[in-house]
Amino acid sequence: MVQLFDFLDDYTKQHFHDEEMYMQNIRYPEIEVQKTAHKKFIADLAKLKTEYQTSGGNISLIINANQMIIDWLTKHIFNMDKKIGAYAKIIK
C-alpha cells in the first residue's frame, strides 16, 4: 500500500502539472475546474495515505482507496479529460 500511495502521489502530481500546462497552452476554458478537481484528488490521496500510516491499513481503507481510483478513472478521465481532447480538436 505504501508503494501504491507513493507511486500515485508522484505520478498524479507530475501528470496534473503536465496536463495543466497543456490546458494553459491551448487556453482551455475549463482549466480552473480541472485544477480544482486535481487539487481535490491530491488532497483525498494525502488523506488516505495519512489514514493508512495511522491505522496500519484495514479493509475499509483499501476499499476506499480502490473506490477513489475507480471513481477518478470513470468520472474524471472519461468525462472531464475527454472534454480537453474535444476542445483541442476544435481549435486545430
N, C-alpha and C. Protein backbone atom coordinates (compact mmCIF):
# COMPACT_ATOMS: atom_id res chain seq x y z
N MET A 1 0.83 -1.20 0.00
CA MET A 1 0.00 0.00 0.00
C MET A 1 0.87 1.26 0.00
N VAL A 2 1.93 1.25 0.76
CA VAL A 2 2.81 2.42 0.80
C VAL A 2 3.37 2.71 -0.58
N GLN A 3 3.80 1.67 -1.27
CA GLN A 3 4.33 1.86 -2.62
C GLN A 3 3.25 2.39 -3.56
N LEU A 4 2.04 1.90 -3.42
CA LEU A 4 0.94 2.38 -4.25
C LEU A 4 0.67 3.86 -4.00
N PHE A 5 0.59 4.24 -2.73
CA PHE A 5 0.35 5.65 -2.41
C PHE A 5 1.49 6.54 -2.90
N ASP A 6 2.72 6.08 -2.71
CA ASP A 6 3.87 6.87 -3.16
C ASP A 6 3.86 7.02 -4.68
N PHE A 7 3.59 5.93 -5.38
CA PHE A 7 3.53 5.98 -6.84
C PHE A 7 2.43 6.94 -7.30
N LEU A 8 1.23 6.77 -6.74
CA LEU A 8 0.12 7.63 -7.14
C LEU A 8 0.40 9.09 -6.84
N ASP A 9 1.01 9.35 -5.71
CA ASP A 9 1.34 10.72 -5.34
C ASP A 9 2.29 11.35 -6.36
N ASP A 10 3.37 10.65 -6.65
CA ASP A 10 4.35 11.17 -7.62
C ASP A 10 3.75 11.29 -9.02
N TYR A 11 3.08 10.23 -9.45
CA TYR A 11 2.54 10.20 -10.81
C TYR A 11 1.48 11.28 -11.01
N THR A 12 0.54 11.39 -10.08
CA THR A 12 -0.55 12.35 -10.29
C THR A 12 -0.03 13.78 -10.26
N LYS A 13 0.89 14.08 -9.38
CA LYS A 13 1.42 15.44 -9.34
C LYS A 13 2.09 15.81 -10.66
N GLN A 14 2.89 14.90 -11.21
CA GLN A 14 3.56 15.18 -12.48
C GLN A 14 2.53 15.25 -13.62
N HIS A 15 1.62 14.29 -13.64
CA HIS A 15 0.60 14.26 -14.69
C HIS A 15 -0.27 15.51 -14.65
N PHE A 16 -0.72 15.89 -13.46
CA PHE A 16 -1.58 17.07 -13.34
C PHE A 16 -0.83 18.32 -13.77
N HIS A 17 0.43 18.41 -13.39
CA HIS A 17 1.24 19.57 -13.80
C HIS A 17 1.32 19.64 -15.32
N ASP A 18 1.66 18.52 -15.94
CA ASP A 18 1.78 18.48 -17.41
C ASP A 18 0.44 18.80 -18.07
N GLU A 19 -0.62 18.22 -17.56
CA GLU A 19 -1.95 18.45 -18.13
C GLU A 19 -2.36 19.92 -17.99
N GLU A 20 -2.08 20.51 -16.84
CA GLU A 20 -2.43 21.91 -16.62
C GLU A 20 -1.62 22.83 -17.53
N MET A 21 -0.36 22.50 -17.76
CA MET A 21 0.45 23.29 -18.69
C MET A 21 -0.12 23.20 -20.11
N TYR A 22 -0.53 22.02 -20.50
CA TYR A 22 -1.13 21.83 -21.82
C TYR A 22 -2.42 22.64 -21.93
N MET A 23 -3.26 22.54 -20.91
CA MET A 23 -4.52 23.30 -20.95
C MET A 23 -4.26 24.79 -21.02
N GLN A 24 -3.25 25.24 -20.31
CA GLN A 24 -2.90 26.66 -20.34
C GLN A 24 -2.44 27.05 -21.75
N ASN A 25 -1.63 26.20 -22.36
CA ASN A 25 -1.11 26.49 -23.70
C ASN A 25 -2.21 26.57 -24.75
N ILE A 26 -3.25 25.73 -24.62
CA ILE A 26 -4.33 25.77 -25.60
C ILE A 26 -5.48 26.68 -25.15
N ARG A 27 -5.27 27.34 -24.01
CA ARG A 27 -6.27 28.26 -23.45
C ARG A 27 -7.62 27.56 -23.24
N TYR A 28 -7.52 26.41 -22.60
CA TYR A 28 -8.72 25.62 -22.32
C TYR A 28 -9.63 26.39 -21.37
N PRO A 29 -10.87 26.61 -21.75
CA PRO A 29 -11.75 27.48 -20.95
C PRO A 29 -12.15 26.90 -19.59
N GLU A 30 -12.05 25.59 -19.40
CA GLU A 30 -12.44 24.99 -18.12
C GLU A 30 -11.23 24.58 -17.28
N ILE A 31 -10.12 25.27 -17.46
CA ILE A 31 -8.89 24.91 -16.75
C ILE A 31 -9.06 25.01 -15.23
N GLU A 32 -9.77 26.00 -14.76
CA GLU A 32 -9.92 26.16 -13.31
C GLU A 32 -10.73 25.02 -12.69
N VAL A 33 -11.71 24.52 -13.43
CA VAL A 33 -12.49 23.37 -12.96
C VAL A 33 -11.58 22.15 -12.85
N GLN A 34 -10.73 21.99 -13.85
CA GLN A 34 -9.77 20.88 -13.83
C GLN A 34 -8.79 21.01 -12.66
N LYS A 35 -8.25 22.21 -12.48
CA LYS A 35 -7.30 22.43 -11.38
C LYS A 35 -7.93 22.12 -10.03
N THR A 36 -9.18 22.51 -9.86
CA THR A 36 -9.89 22.23 -8.61
C THR A 36 -10.03 20.73 -8.40
N ALA A 37 -10.39 20.02 -9.46
CA ALA A 37 -10.52 18.56 -9.36
C ALA A 37 -9.18 17.91 -9.06
N HIS A 38 -8.12 18.41 -9.66
CA HIS A 38 -6.78 17.87 -9.40
C HIS A 38 -6.39 18.09 -7.94
N LYS A 39 -6.63 19.29 -7.43
CA LYS A 39 -6.29 19.58 -6.03
C LYS A 39 -7.06 18.69 -5.08
N LYS A 40 -8.33 18.45 -5.39
CA LYS A 40 -9.16 17.60 -4.54
C LYS A 40 -8.63 16.17 -4.54
N PHE A 41 -8.26 15.67 -5.71
CA PHE A 41 -7.73 14.31 -5.77
C PHE A 41 -6.45 14.19 -4.96
N ILE A 42 -5.55 15.16 -5.09
CA ILE A 42 -4.30 15.13 -4.34
C ILE A 42 -4.57 15.18 -2.84
N ALA A 43 -5.52 16.02 -2.42
CA ALA A 43 -5.87 16.12 -1.00
C ALA A 43 -6.49 14.82 -0.50
N ASP A 44 -7.38 14.23 -1.30
CA ASP A 44 -8.01 12.96 -0.92
C ASP A 44 -6.98 11.85 -0.82
N LEU A 45 -6.04 11.83 -1.75
CA LEU A 45 -4.97 10.83 -1.72
C LEU A 45 -4.10 11.01 -0.48
N ALA A 46 -3.76 12.25 -0.16
CA ALA A 46 -2.96 12.52 1.05
C ALA A 46 -3.70 12.07 2.31
N LYS A 47 -4.99 12.30 2.32
CA LYS A 47 -5.80 11.89 3.47
C LYS A 47 -5.78 10.36 3.62
N LEU A 48 -5.95 9.65 2.52
CA LEU A 48 -5.89 8.19 2.57
C LEU A 48 -4.52 7.69 3.01
N LYS A 49 -3.48 8.33 2.51
CA LYS A 49 -2.11 7.94 2.86
C LYS A 49 -1.88 8.15 4.36
N THR A 50 -2.33 9.28 4.88
CA THR A 50 -2.19 9.55 6.32
C THR A 50 -2.99 8.55 7.14
N GLU A 51 -4.19 8.26 6.68
CA GLU A 51 -5.04 7.28 7.37
C GLU A 51 -4.36 5.92 7.39
N TYR A 52 -3.73 5.55 6.28
CA TYR A 52 -3.01 4.27 6.23
C TYR A 52 -1.85 4.26 7.21
N GLN A 53 -1.09 5.35 7.23
CA GLN A 53 0.05 5.43 8.14
C GLN A 53 -0.39 5.39 9.60
N THR A 54 -1.54 5.94 9.89
CA THR A 54 -2.06 5.97 11.26
C THR A 54 -2.65 4.62 11.67
N SER A 55 -3.44 4.04 10.79
CA SER A 55 -4.16 2.82 11.15
C SER A 55 -3.39 1.55 10.83
N GLY A 56 -2.39 1.66 9.98
CA GLY A 56 -1.67 0.47 9.57
C GLY A 56 -2.39 -0.29 8.47
N GLY A 57 -3.48 0.25 8.02
CA GLY A 57 -4.23 -0.36 6.92
C GLY A 57 -5.31 -1.29 7.44
N ASN A 58 -6.45 -1.21 6.81
CA ASN A 58 -7.56 -2.09 7.12
C ASN A 58 -8.40 -2.24 5.86
N ILE A 59 -9.33 -3.14 5.89
CA ILE A 59 -10.13 -3.42 4.70
C ILE A 59 -10.91 -2.19 4.24
N SER A 60 -11.40 -1.41 5.17
CA SER A 60 -12.16 -0.20 4.81
C SER A 60 -11.28 0.78 4.04
N LEU A 61 -10.07 0.96 4.51
CA LEU A 61 -9.15 1.88 3.83
C LEU A 61 -8.83 1.38 2.42
N ILE A 62 -8.59 0.10 2.28
CA ILE A 62 -8.28 -0.46 0.97
C ILE A 62 -9.47 -0.29 0.03
N ILE A 63 -10.66 -0.53 0.51
CA ILE A 63 -11.86 -0.35 -0.31
C ILE A 63 -12.01 1.12 -0.70
N ASN A 64 -11.80 2.04 0.25
CA ASN A 64 -11.91 3.47 -0.05
C ASN A 64 -10.88 3.91 -1.09
N ALA A 65 -9.65 3.42 -0.96
CA ALA A 65 -8.61 3.77 -1.93
C ALA A 65 -8.97 3.24 -3.31
N ASN A 66 -9.42 2.00 -3.35
CA ASN A 66 -9.83 1.39 -4.61
C ASN A 66 -10.97 2.17 -5.25
N GLN A 67 -11.96 2.53 -4.45
CA GLN A 67 -13.12 3.27 -4.96
C GLN A 67 -12.72 4.65 -5.47
N MET A 68 -11.81 5.30 -4.76
CA MET A 68 -11.35 6.62 -5.18
C MET A 68 -10.70 6.55 -6.55
N ILE A 69 -9.88 5.55 -6.76
CA ILE A 69 -9.18 5.40 -8.04
C ILE A 69 -10.17 5.06 -9.15
N ILE A 70 -11.08 4.16 -8.87
CA ILE A 70 -12.10 3.81 -9.87
C ILE A 70 -12.95 5.03 -10.23
N ASP A 71 -13.37 5.77 -9.21
CA ASP A 71 -14.16 6.98 -9.46
C ASP A 71 -13.39 7.97 -10.32
N TRP A 72 -12.11 8.14 -10.02
CA TRP A 72 -11.29 9.07 -10.79
C TRP A 72 -11.23 8.63 -12.24
N LEU A 73 -10.96 7.35 -12.45
CA LEU A 73 -10.85 6.85 -13.82
C LEU A 73 -12.16 6.97 -14.58
N THR A 74 -13.25 6.64 -13.93
CA THR A 74 -14.53 6.63 -14.64
C THR A 74 -15.16 8.01 -14.75
N LYS A 75 -15.04 8.81 -13.73
CA LYS A 75 -15.71 10.11 -13.74
C LYS A 75 -14.83 11.22 -14.31
N HIS A 76 -13.62 11.30 -13.84
CA HIS A 76 -12.77 12.41 -14.27
C HIS A 76 -12.20 12.19 -15.68
N ILE A 77 -11.51 11.10 -15.85
CA ILE A 77 -10.82 10.88 -17.13
C ILE A 77 -11.82 10.72 -18.27
N PHE A 78 -12.84 9.90 -18.07
CA PHE A 78 -13.78 9.64 -19.15
C PHE A 78 -14.76 10.78 -19.39
N ASN A 79 -14.86 11.70 -18.47
CA ASN A 79 -15.76 12.84 -18.67
C ASN A 79 -14.98 14.13 -18.85
N MET A 80 -14.29 14.56 -17.81
CA MET A 80 -13.62 15.87 -17.85
C MET A 80 -12.45 15.89 -18.83
N ASP A 81 -11.60 14.88 -18.79
CA ASP A 81 -10.43 14.89 -19.67
C ASP A 81 -10.81 14.72 -21.14
N LYS A 82 -11.89 14.01 -21.42
CA LYS A 82 -12.34 13.89 -22.80
C LYS A 82 -12.70 15.25 -23.38
N LYS A 83 -13.19 16.14 -22.54
CA LYS A 83 -13.54 17.49 -23.00
C LYS A 83 -12.31 18.25 -23.47
N ILE A 84 -11.17 18.01 -22.83
CA ILE A 84 -9.92 18.65 -23.26
C ILE A 84 -9.59 18.22 -24.68
N GLY A 85 -9.69 16.92 -24.94
CA GLY A 85 -9.42 16.40 -26.28
C GLY A 85 -10.37 16.97 -27.30
N ALA A 86 -11.63 17.04 -26.95
CA ALA A 86 -12.62 17.60 -27.89
C ALA A 86 -12.31 19.05 -28.19
N TYR A 87 -11.95 19.80 -27.16
CA TYR A 87 -11.62 21.22 -27.35
C TYR A 87 -10.37 21.35 -28.22
N ALA A 88 -9.37 20.53 -27.97
CA ALA A 88 -8.13 20.59 -28.76
C ALA A 88 -8.40 20.32 -30.23
N LYS A 89 -9.32 19.41 -30.53
CA LYS A 89 -9.65 19.12 -31.94
C LYS A 89 -10.34 20.32 -32.61
N ILE A 90 -11.15 21.03 -31.84
CA ILE A 90 -11.89 22.17 -32.39
C ILE A 90 -10.94 23.32 -32.75
N ILE A 91 -9.94 23.55 -31.92
CA ILE A 91 -9.08 24.73 -32.14
C ILE A 91 -7.99 24.49 -33.18
N LYS A 92 -7.84 23.26 -33.64
CA LYS A 92 -6.78 22.97 -34.63
C LYS A 92 -7.15 23.43 -35.99
